Each structure stands twice: as C-alpha cells, then as structure tokens.
Amino acid sequence: MSHASELREMSDEHLALTLKESIETLFKLRIQAQTERLDAPSELRRHRRLVARIKTIQNERRRQRAAAAG
C-alpha cells in the first residue's frame, strides 16, 4: 500500500492513521537496526518513503483547502 495513487484515495483520517502506524513501525525498525541485525534493511527505506509520501499528500490537501478558502 505504498503507491501514491492508493494513498490519495484515502480519507484524511485514514491517511493520518496510516502515517501514525508507519512512524511507529519506522521507530521500531530503527531501534532494531541499532541493537541487532535487521532481517530486511529495505524495510527502513520503504517506511521512510511511505511517511514522506503521506506527508506530501497531507500538505497538498492543506494547500488546496487554504486556496479554496482564501
């Protein structure tokens, strides 16, 4: 579920929940990377990029709402 098109179809609430879960997973992976060997180091990159995509979409929506209101 890391495709931007899938993320754009989500509601704001679902997007925020997905962001929260991804940040928590990323935190756990970082701790694991510091304390032991990761099974899949690519997971760190995948979650970092997922967080970035979600934040980008949230910012786009925020700008669109501001432009519509102003």
C-alpha atoms as a PDB file:
ATOM      1  CA  MET A   1       0.000   0.000   0.000  1.00  0.00           C
ATOM      2  CA  SER A   2       2.790   2.408  -0.759  1.00  0.00           C
ATOM      3  CA  HIS A   3       1.590   3.662  -4.110  1.00  0.00           C
ATOM      4  CA  ALA A   4       0.783   7.351  -4.097  1.00  0.00           C
ATOM      5  CA  SER A   5      -2.436   6.758  -6.034  1.00  0.00           C
ATOM      6  CA  GLU A   6      -3.697   4.416  -3.311  1.00  0.00           C
ATOM      7  CA  LEU A   7      -2.756   6.930  -0.632  1.00  0.00           C
ATOM      8  CA  ARG A   8      -4.527   9.765  -2.462  1.00  0.00           C
ATOM      9  CA  GLU A   9      -7.773   7.767  -2.438  1.00  0.00           C
ATOM     10  CA  MET A  10      -7.731   7.535   1.367  1.00  0.00           C
ATOM     11  CA  SER A  11      -9.715   9.870   3.602  1.00  0.00           C
ATOM     12  CA  ASP A  12      -7.816  12.379   5.738  1.00  0.00           C
ATOM     13  CA  GLU A  13      -8.490  10.296   8.848  1.00  0.00           C
ATOM     14  CA  HIS A  14      -7.296   7.050   7.266  1.00  0.00           C
ATOM     15  CA  LEU A  15      -4.209   8.817   5.912  1.00  0.00           C
ATOM     16  CA  ALA A  16      -3.393  10.182   9.387  1.00  0.00           C
ATOM     17  CA  LEU A  17      -3.798   6.710  10.907  1.00  0.00           C
ATOM     18  CA  THR A  18      -1.561   5.161   8.249  1.00  0.00           C
ATOM     19  CA  LEU A  19       1.036   7.858   8.924  1.00  0.00           C
ATOM     20  CA  LYS A  20       0.947   7.149  12.664  1.00  0.00           C
ATOM     21  CA  GLU A  21       1.367   3.406  12.104  1.00  0.00           C
ATOM     22  CA  SER A  22       4.233   3.941   9.652  1.00  0.00           C
ATOM     23  CA  ILE A  23       6.072   6.260  12.036  1.00  0.00           C
ATOM     24  CA  GLU A  24       5.708   3.705  14.845  1.00  0.00           C
ATOM     25  CA  THR A  25       6.983   0.906  12.591  1.00  0.00           C
ATOM     26  CA  LEU A  26       9.884   3.076  11.433  1.00  0.00           C
ATOM     27  CA  PHE A  27      10.804   3.804  15.064  1.00  0.00           C
ATOM     28  CA  LYS A  28      10.776   0.092  15.910  1.00  0.00           C
ATOM     29  CA  LEU A  29      12.905  -0.712  12.864  1.00  0.00           C
ATOM     30  CA  ARG A  30      15.441   1.970  13.802  1.00  0.00           C
ATOM     31  CA  ILE A  31      15.720   0.575  17.335  1.00  0.00           C
ATOM     32  CA  GLN A  32      16.107  -2.926  15.937  1.00  0.00           C
ATOM     33  CA  ALA A  33      18.768  -1.715  13.492  1.00  0.00           C
ATOM     34  CA  GLN A  34      20.757  -0.251  16.388  1.00  0.00           C
ATOM     35  CA  THR A  35      20.503  -3.302  18.620  1.00  0.00           C
ATOM     36  CA  GLU A  36      20.572  -6.216  16.192  1.00  0.00           C
ATOM     37  CA  ARG A  37      20.747  -7.137  12.550  1.00  0.00           C
ATOM     38  CA  LEU A  38      17.624  -6.338  10.527  1.00  0.00           C
ATOM     39  CA  ASP A  39      16.007  -9.158   8.588  1.00  0.00           C
ATOM     40  CA  ALA A  40      15.120  -6.773   5.760  1.00  0.00           C
ATOM     41  CA  PRO A  41      17.073  -3.486   5.764  1.00  0.00           C
ATOM     42  CA  SER A  42      14.980  -2.335   2.803  1.00  0.00           C
ATOM     43  CA  GLU A  43      12.023  -2.015   5.191  1.00  0.00           C
ATOM     44  CA  LEU A  44      13.624   1.105   6.693  1.00  0.00           C
ATOM     45  CA  ARG A  45      13.738   2.794   3.293  1.00  0.00           C
ATOM     46  CA  ARG A  46      10.220   1.637   2.427  1.00  0.00           C
ATOM     47  CA  HIS A  47       8.717   3.101   5.593  1.00  0.00           C
ATOM     48  CA  ARG A  48      10.727   6.335   5.324  1.00  0.00           C
ATOM     49  CA  ARG A  49       9.402   6.831   1.807  1.00  0.00           C
ATOM     50  CA  LEU A  50       5.853   5.932   2.850  1.00  0.00           C
ATOM     51  CA  VAL A  51       5.972   8.573   5.613  1.00  0.00           C
ATOM     52  CA  ALA A  52       7.278  11.132   3.118  1.00  0.00           C
ATOM     53  CA  ARG A  53       4.543  10.312   0.587  1.00  0.00           C
ATOM     54  CA  ILE A  54       1.814  10.635   3.199  1.00  0.00           C
ATOM     55  CA  LYS A  55       3.164  13.955   4.478  1.00  0.00           C
ATOM     56  CA  THR A  56       3.380  15.257   0.913  1.00  0.00           C
ATOM     57  CA  ILE A  57      -0.247  14.333   0.225  1.00  0.00           C
ATOM     58  CA  GLN A  58      -1.356  15.902   3.520  1.00  0.00           C
ATOM     59  CA  ASN A  59       0.467  19.133   2.629  1.00  0.00           C
ATOM     60  CA  GLU A  60      -1.076  19.165  -0.850  1.00  0.00           C
ATOM     61  CA  ARG A  61      -4.558  18.794   0.652  1.00  0.00           C
ATOM     62  CA  ARG A  62      -3.834  21.510   3.211  1.00  0.00           C
ATOM     63  CA  ARG A  63      -2.702  23.902   0.454  1.00  0.00           C
ATOM     64  CA  GLN A  64      -5.784  23.088  -1.651  1.00  0.00           C
ATOM     65  CA  ARG A  65      -8.095  23.827   1.287  1.00  0.00           C
ATOM     66  CA  ALA A  66      -6.277  27.090   2.007  1.00  0.00           C
ATOM     67  CA  ALA A  67      -6.525  28.135  -1.633  1.00  0.00           C
ATOM     68  CA  ALA A  68     -10.230  27.268  -1.754  1.00  0.00           C
ATOM     69  CA  ALA A  69     -10.937  29.168   1.464  1.00  0.00           C
ATOM     70  CA  GLY A  70      -8.856  32.202   0.624  1.00  0.00           C
END
